């Protein structure tokens, strides 16, 4: 019994010290690195399909963006994107397109991280809703939770996408971030 108590105390001492060392900086940095390494290029490439090529093209949203984001509005306009009303559909397409560029970059930099991660969670939820209801992906693509197949594109993968984002919303970006630097500068100005 004494041996078990000794092991338990040793375990607690080691892992509490590890937690004290890592907690201020590692979880936020790790969540941002996971996001950057697994999702940033996915969202960047997706966003690039919605704007014209080149620097000037960045400011011109393609018709394909309307088909990806607001297909029912395009169909209601008889397939004529120029007939789709700007309010609300054009605004939604433009905001969605540029949010797909901005939010991932802000997360990686650790700037406005909590809001950006919350925005990306909303973005993924809307993306999922559009995929299921508008693009009508099949049951295999949607998948099911708590089954033995961990590779469905919608439920399994997007739930895993949410994990680093939820961590960032709750715990923030950590000490190695622009948010932390901005907070330190702001504190100094107020002192």
C-alpha atoms as a PDB file:
ATOM      1  CA  UNK A   1       0.000   0.000   0.000  1.00  0.00           C
ATOM      2  CA  UNK A   2       2.865   2.352   0.827  1.00  0.00           C
ATOM      3  CA  UNK A   3       4.370   1.662  -2.619  1.00  0.00           C
ATOM      4  CA  UNK A   4       1.116   2.627  -4.366  1.00  0.00           C
ATOM      5  CA  UNK A   5       0.886   5.897  -2.393  1.00  0.00           C
ATOM      6  CA  UNK A   6       4.501   6.712  -3.256  1.00  0.00           C
ATOM      7  CA  UNK A   7       3.854   6.099  -6.952  1.00  0.00           C
ATOM      8  CA  UNK A   8       0.673   8.222  -6.812  1.00  0.00           C
ATOM      9  CA  UNK A   9       2.549  11.129  -5.145  1.00  0.00           C
ATOM     10  CA  UNK A  10       5.391  10.860  -7.656  1.00  0.00           C
ATOM     11  CA  UNK A  11       2.884  10.826 -10.512  1.00  0.00           C
ATOM     12  CA  UNK A  12       1.118  13.903  -9.133  1.00  0.00           C
ATOM     13  CA  UNK A  13       4.378  15.786  -8.559  1.00  0.00           C
ATOM     14  CA  UNK A  14       5.729  15.099 -12.061  1.00  0.00           C
ATOM     15  CA  UNK A  15       2.559  15.899 -13.936  1.00  0.00           C
ATOM     16  CA  UNK A  16       1.620  18.956 -11.875  1.00  0.00           C
ATOM     17  CA  UNK A  17       5.069  20.444 -12.578  1.00  0.00           C
ATOM     18  CA  UNK A  18       4.714  19.588 -16.263  1.00  0.00           C
ATOM     19  CA  UNK A  19       1.285  21.239 -16.331  1.00  0.00           C
ATOM     20  CA  UNK A  20       2.567  24.342 -14.523  1.00  0.00           C
ATOM     21  CA  UNK A  21       5.365  24.665 -17.092  1.00  0.00           C
ATOM     22  CA  UNK A  22       3.283  23.990 -20.216  1.00  0.00           C
ATOM     23  CA  UNK A  23      -0.099  25.550 -19.380  1.00  0.00           C
ATOM     24  CA  UNK A  24       0.788  29.212 -20.063  1.00  0.00           C
ATOM     25  CA  UNK A  25       2.089  28.676 -23.581  1.00  0.00           C
ATOM     26  CA  UNK A  26       1.798  25.147 -24.992  1.00  0.00           C
ATOM     27  CA  UNK A  27      -1.948  24.373 -25.455  1.00  0.00           C
ATOM     28  CA  UNK A  28      -2.677  27.522 -27.491  1.00  0.00           C
ATOM     29  CA  UNK A  29       0.488  27.200 -29.556  1.00  0.00           C
ATOM     30  CA  UNK A  30      -0.154  23.498 -30.149  1.00  0.00           C
ATOM     31  CA  UNK A  31      -3.783  24.095 -31.193  1.00  0.00           C
ATOM     32  CA  UNK A  32      -2.659  26.813 -33.620  1.00  0.00           C
ATOM     33  CA  UNK A  33       0.074  24.574 -35.062  1.00  0.00           C
ATOM     34  CA  UNK A  34      -2.405  21.717 -35.508  1.00  0.00           C
ATOM     35  CA  UNK A  35      -4.796  24.081 -37.273  1.00  0.00           C
ATOM     36  CA  UNK A  36      -2.011  25.494 -39.459  1.00  0.00           C
ATOM     37  CA  UNK A  37      -0.617  22.112 -40.435  1.00  0.00           C
ATOM     38  CA  UNK A  38      -3.928  20.403 -41.159  1.00  0.00           C
ATOM     39  CA  UNK A  39      -6.482  23.040 -42.187  1.00  0.00           C
ATOM     40  CA  UNK A  40      -4.859  26.297 -43.271  1.00  0.00           C
ATOM     41  CA  UNK A  41      -3.993  25.203 -46.806  1.00  0.00           C
ATOM     42  CA  UNK A  42      -7.401  23.546 -47.158  1.00  0.00           C
ATOM     43  CA  UNK A  43      -9.185  26.810 -46.375  1.00  0.00           C
ATOM     44  CA  UNK A  44      -6.689  28.906 -48.362  1.00  0.00           C
ATOM     45  CA  UNK A  45      -7.180  26.767 -51.474  1.00  0.00           C
ATOM     46  CA  UNK A  46     -10.933  26.824 -50.990  1.00  0.00           C
ATOM     47  CA  UNK A  47     -10.894  30.617 -50.676  1.00  0.00           C
ATOM     48  CA  UNK A  48      -8.702  30.951 -53.778  1.00  0.00           C
ATOM     49  CA  UNK A  49     -11.387  29.181 -55.827  1.00  0.00           C
ATOM     50  CA  UNK A  50     -13.743  32.031 -54.944  1.00  0.00           C
ATOM     51  CA  UNK A  51     -11.617  34.954 -56.211  1.00  0.00           C
ATOM     52  CA  UNK A  52      -9.987  35.767 -59.532  1.00  0.00           C
ATOM     53  CA  UNK A  53      -6.256  35.032 -59.959  1.00  0.00           C
ATOM     54  CA  UNK A  54      -3.598  37.633 -59.250  1.00  0.00           C
ATOM     55  CA  UNK A  55      -3.317  40.513 -56.834  1.00  0.00           C
ATOM     56  CA  UNK A  56      -6.063  42.548 -58.494  1.00  0.00           C
ATOM     57  CA  UNK A  57      -8.182  39.396 -58.809  1.00  0.00           C
ATOM     58  CA  UNK A  58      -8.165  39.021 -55.040  1.00  0.00           C
ATOM     59  CA  UNK A  59     -10.703  41.850 -54.913  1.00  0.00           C
ATOM     60  CA  UNK A  60     -13.049  40.245 -57.462  1.00  0.00           C
ATOM     61  CA  UNK A  61     -15.312  37.439 -56.264  1.00  0.00           C
ATOM     62  CA  UNK A  62     -15.914  34.781 -58.916  1.00  0.00           C
ATOM     63  CA  UNK A  63     -19.316  33.504 -59.954  1.00  0.00           C
ATOM     64  CA  UNK A  64     -18.225  30.093 -58.638  1.00  0.00           C
ATOM     65  CA  UNK A  65     -18.298  31.542 -55.103  1.00  0.00           C
ATOM     66  CA  UNK A  66     -22.037  32.126 -55.513  1.00  0.00           C
ATOM     67  CA  UNK A  67     -22.488  28.522 -56.648  1.00  0.00           C
ATOM     68  CA  UNK A  68     -20.504  27.249 -53.662  1.00  0.00           C
ATOM     69  CA  UNK A  69     -22.077  29.454 -51.007  1.00  0.00           C
ATOM     70  CA  UNK A  70     -25.499  30.556 -52.266  1.00  0.00           C
ATOM     71  CA  UNK A  71     -26.612  27.933 -54.787  1.00  0.00           C
ATOM     72  CA  UNK A  72     -30.343  28.281 -53.970  1.00  0.00           C
ATOM     73  CA  UNK A  73     -30.157  32.036 -54.694  1.00  0.00           C
ATOM     74  CA  UNK A  74     -28.361  31.385 -58.003  1.00  0.00           C
ATOM     75  CA  UNK A  75     -30.970  28.795 -58.973  1.00  0.00           C
ATOM     76  CA  UNK A  76     -33.758  31.210 -58.018  1.00  0.00           C
ATOM     77  CA  UNK A  77     -32.142  33.766 -60.348  1.00  0.00           C
ATOM     78  CA  UNK A  78     -32.238  31.238 -63.180  1.00  0.00           C
ATOM     79  CA  UNK A  79     -28.486  30.570 -63.008  1.00  0.00           C
ATOM     80  CA  UNK A  80     -27.667  34.234 -63.627  1.00  0.00           C
ATOM     81  CA  UNK A  81     -25.291  35.291 -60.846  1.00  0.00           C
ATOM     82  CA  UNK A  82     -25.618  38.968 -61.761  1.00  0.00           C
ATOM     83  CA  UNK A  83     -29.351  38.698 -61.011  1.00  0.00           C
ATOM     84  CA  UNK A  84     -28.708  37.485 -57.447  1.00  0.00           C
ATOM     85  CA  UNK A  85     -29.511  40.373 -55.078  1.00  0.00           C
ATOM     86  CA  UNK A  86     -26.541  41.786 -53.182  1.00  0.00           C
ATOM     87  CA  UNK A  87     -28.548  41.924 -49.961  1.00  0.00           C
ATOM     88  CA  UNK A  88     -28.385  39.442 -48.429  1.00  0.00           C
ATOM     89  CA  UNK A  89     -26.782  36.917 -50.828  1.00  0.00           C
ATOM     90  CA  UNK A  90     -23.988  38.960 -52.365  1.00  0.00           C
ATOM     91  CA  UNK A  91     -22.984  40.241 -48.963  1.00  0.00           C
ATOM     92  CA  UNK A  92     -22.976  36.694 -47.546  1.00  0.00           C
ATOM     93  CA  UNK A  93     -20.831  35.459 -50.446  1.00  0.00           C
ATOM     94  CA  UNK A  94     -18.349  38.321 -50.098  1.00  0.00           C
ATOM     95  CA  UNK A  95     -18.106  38.044 -46.300  1.00  0.00           C
ATOM     96  CA  UNK A  96     -17.797  34.256 -46.478  1.00  0.00           C
ATOM     97  CA  UNK A  97     -15.099  34.455 -49.125  1.00  0.00           C
ATOM     98  CA  UNK A  98     -12.921  36.949 -47.281  1.00  0.00           C
ATOM     99  CA  UNK A  99     -13.557  35.331 -43.894  1.00  0.00           C
ATOM    100  CA  UNK A 100     -12.108  32.140 -45.352  1.00  0.00           C
ATOM    101  CA  UNK A 101      -8.888  34.074 -46.017  1.00  0.00           C
ATOM    102  CA  UNK A 102      -8.770  36.164 -42.848  1.00  0.00           C
ATOM    103  CA  UNK A 103      -9.909  33.899 -40.009  1.00  0.00           C
ATOM    104  CA  UNK A 104      -7.347  31.096 -40.542  1.00  0.00           C
ATOM    105  CA  UNK A 105      -4.530  33.621 -40.859  1.00  0.00           C
ATOM    106  CA  UNK A 106      -5.585  35.385 -37.659  1.00  0.00           C
ATOM    107  CA  UNK A 107      -5.671  32.038 -35.842  1.00  0.00           C
ATOM    108  CA  UNK A 108      -2.180  31.113 -37.002  1.00  0.00           C
ATOM    109  CA  UNK A 109      -0.796  34.503 -35.974  1.00  0.00           C
ATOM    110  CA  UNK A 110      -2.626  34.344 -32.656  1.00  0.00           C
ATOM    111  CA  UNK A 111      -4.389  37.663 -33.260  1.00  0.00           C
ATOM    112  CA  UNK A 112      -8.027  38.068 -32.185  1.00  0.00           C
ATOM    113  CA  UNK A 113      -7.685  34.330 -31.703  1.00  0.00           C
ATOM    114  CA  UNK A 114     -10.746  33.547 -29.629  1.00  0.00           C
ATOM    115  CA  UNK A 115     -13.075  35.469 -31.936  1.00  0.00           C
ATOM    116  CA  UNK A 116     -11.383  34.047 -35.032  1.00  0.00           C
ATOM    117  CA  UNK A 117     -11.659  30.489 -33.720  1.00  0.00           C
ATOM    118  CA  UNK A 118     -15.309  31.095 -32.874  1.00  0.00           C
ATOM    119  CA  UNK A 119     -15.804  32.461 -36.382  1.00  0.00           C
ATOM    120  CA  UNK A 120     -14.136  29.384 -37.892  1.00  0.00           C
ATOM    121  CA  UNK A 121     -16.409  27.113 -35.845  1.00  0.00           C
ATOM    122  CA  UNK A 122     -19.383  28.993 -37.288  1.00  0.00           C
ATOM    123  CA  UNK A 123     -17.841  28.803 -40.746  1.00  0.00           C
ATOM    124  CA  UNK A 124     -17.411  25.018 -40.460  1.00  0.00           C
ATOM    125  CA  UNK A 125     -20.981  24.649 -39.182  1.00  0.00           C
ATOM    126  CA  UNK A 126     -22.354  26.631 -42.141  1.00  0.00           C
ATOM    127  CA  UNK A 127     -20.079  24.739 -44.549  1.00  0.00           C
ATOM    128  CA  UNK A 128     -21.409  21.463 -43.165  1.00  0.00           C
ATOM    129  CA  UNK A 129     -25.020  22.616 -43.377  1.00  0.00           C
ATOM    130  CA  UNK A 130     -24.527  23.744 -46.997  1.00  0.00           C
ATOM    131  CA  UNK A 131     -22.806  20.459 -47.918  1.00  0.00           C
ATOM    132  CA  UNK A 132     -25.650  18.403 -46.461  1.00  0.00           C
ATOM    133  CA  UNK A 133     -28.687  20.473 -47.462  1.00  0.00           C
ATOM    134  CA  UNK A 134     -27.636  22.266 -50.647  1.00  0.00           C
ATOM    135  CA  UNK A 135     -24.972  20.047 -52.201  1.00  0.00           C
ATOM    136  CA  UNK A 136     -26.771  16.974 -50.819  1.00  0.00           C
ATOM    137  CA  UNK A 137     -23.725  14.833 -50.051  1.00  0.00           C
ATOM    138  CA  UNK A 138     -24.508  11.171 -49.449  1.00  0.00           C
ATOM    139  CA  UNK A 139     -24.770   9.221 -46.231  1.00  0.00           C
ATOM    140  CA  UNK A 140     -21.281   7.716 -46.526  1.00  0.00           C
ATOM    141  CA  UNK A 141     -19.795  11.193 -46.791  1.00  0.00           C
ATOM    142  CA  UNK A 142     -21.812  12.410 -43.816  1.00  0.00           C
ATOM    143  CA  UNK A 143     -20.983   9.340 -41.728  1.00  0.00           C
ATOM    144  CA  UNK A 144     -22.129   8.622 -38.210  1.00  0.00           C
ATOM    145  CA  UNK A 145     -20.724   9.306 -34.788  1.00  0.00           C
ATOM    146  CA  UNK A 146     -19.894   6.441 -32.448  1.00  0.00           C
ATOM    147  CA  UNK A 147     -19.455   3.951 -35.261  1.00  0.00           C
ATOM    148  CA  UNK A 148     -16.335   1.951 -36.052  1.00  0.00           C
ATOM    149  CA  UNK A 149     -15.406   4.073 -39.083  1.00  0.00           C
ATOM    150  CA  UNK A 150     -13.366   7.170 -38.155  1.00  0.00           C
ATOM    151  CA  UNK A 151     -13.046   8.625 -41.631  1.00  0.00           C
ATOM    152  CA  UNK A 152     -16.324  10.167 -42.731  1.00  0.00           C
ATOM    153  CA  UNK A 153     -15.730  13.562 -44.321  1.00  0.00           C
ATOM    154  CA  UNK A 154     -18.494  15.400 -42.506  1.00  0.00           C
ATOM    155  CA  UNK A 155     -19.099  14.164 -38.972  1.00  0.00           C
ATOM    156  CA  UNK A 156     -15.755  12.571 -38.102  1.00  0.00           C
ATOM    157  CA  UNK A 157     -13.341  14.923 -39.840  1.00  0.00           C
ATOM    158  CA  UNK A 158     -15.158  18.132 -39.052  1.00  0.00           C
ATOM    159  CA  UNK A 159     -15.555  17.154 -35.417  1.00  0.00           C
ATOM    160  CA  UNK A 160     -11.780  16.724 -35.298  1.00  0.00           C
ATOM    161  CA  UNK A 161     -11.389  20.109 -37.028  1.00  0.00           C
ATOM    162  CA  UNK A 162     -13.373  21.628 -34.180  1.00  0.00           C
ATOM    163  CA  UNK A 163     -11.087  20.353 -31.407  1.00  0.00           C
ATOM    164  CA  UNK A 164      -8.211  22.848 -31.795  1.00  0.00           C
ATOM    165  CA  UNK A 165     -10.706  25.644 -32.433  1.00  0.00           C
ATOM    166  CA  UNK A 166     -12.664  24.878 -29.259  1.00  0.00           C
ATOM    167  CA  UNK A 167      -9.369  24.756 -27.342  1.00  0.00           C
ATOM    168  CA  UNK A 168      -8.516  28.216 -28.667  1.00  0.00           C
ATOM    169  CA  UNK A 169     -11.926  29.655 -27.790  1.00  0.00           C
ATOM    170  CA  UNK A 170     -11.678  28.341 -24.225  1.00  0.00           C
ATOM    171  CA  UNK A 171      -7.961  28.645 -23.427  1.00  0.00           C
ATOM    172  CA  UNK A 172      -6.828  31.343 -25.850  1.00  0.00           C
ATOM    173  CA  UNK A 173      -3.679  31.377 -27.961  1.00  0.00           C
ATOM    174  CA  UNK A 174      -1.146  31.236 -25.129  1.00  0.00           C
ATOM    175  CA  UNK A 175       1.915  33.367 -24.460  1.00  0.00           C
ATOM    176  CA  UNK A 176       3.459  32.790 -27.889  1.00  0.00           C
ATOM    177  CA  UNK A 177       0.958  34.879 -29.849  1.00  0.00           C
ATOM    178  CA  UNK A 178       0.256  38.383 -31.052  1.00  0.00           C
ATOM    179  CA  UNK A 179      -2.704  38.535 -28.654  1.00  0.00           C
ATOM    180  CA  UNK A 180      -0.338  38.075 -25.704  1.00  0.00           C
ATOM    181  CA  UNK A 181       2.075  40.668 -27.090  1.00  0.00           C
ATOM    182  CA  UNK A 182      -0.765  43.144 -27.671  1.00  0.00           C
ATOM    183  CA  UNK A 183      -2.064  42.584 -24.132  1.00  0.00           C
ATOM    184  CA  UNK A 184       1.397  43.274 -22.671  1.00  0.00           C
ATOM    185  CA  UNK A 185       1.773  46.469 -24.711  1.00  0.00           C
ATOM    186  CA  UNK A 186      -1.725  47.626 -23.719  1.00  0.00           C
ATOM    187  CA  UNK A 187      -1.001  46.955 -20.031  1.00  0.00           C
ATOM    188  CA  UNK A 188       2.178  49.044 -20.235  1.00  0.00           C
ATOM    189  CA  UNK A 189       0.317  51.952 -21.815  1.00  0.00           C
ATOM    190  CA  UNK A 190      -2.226  51.905 -18.984  1.00  0.00           C
ATOM    191  CA  UNK A 191       0.375  51.809 -16.230  1.00  0.00           C
END
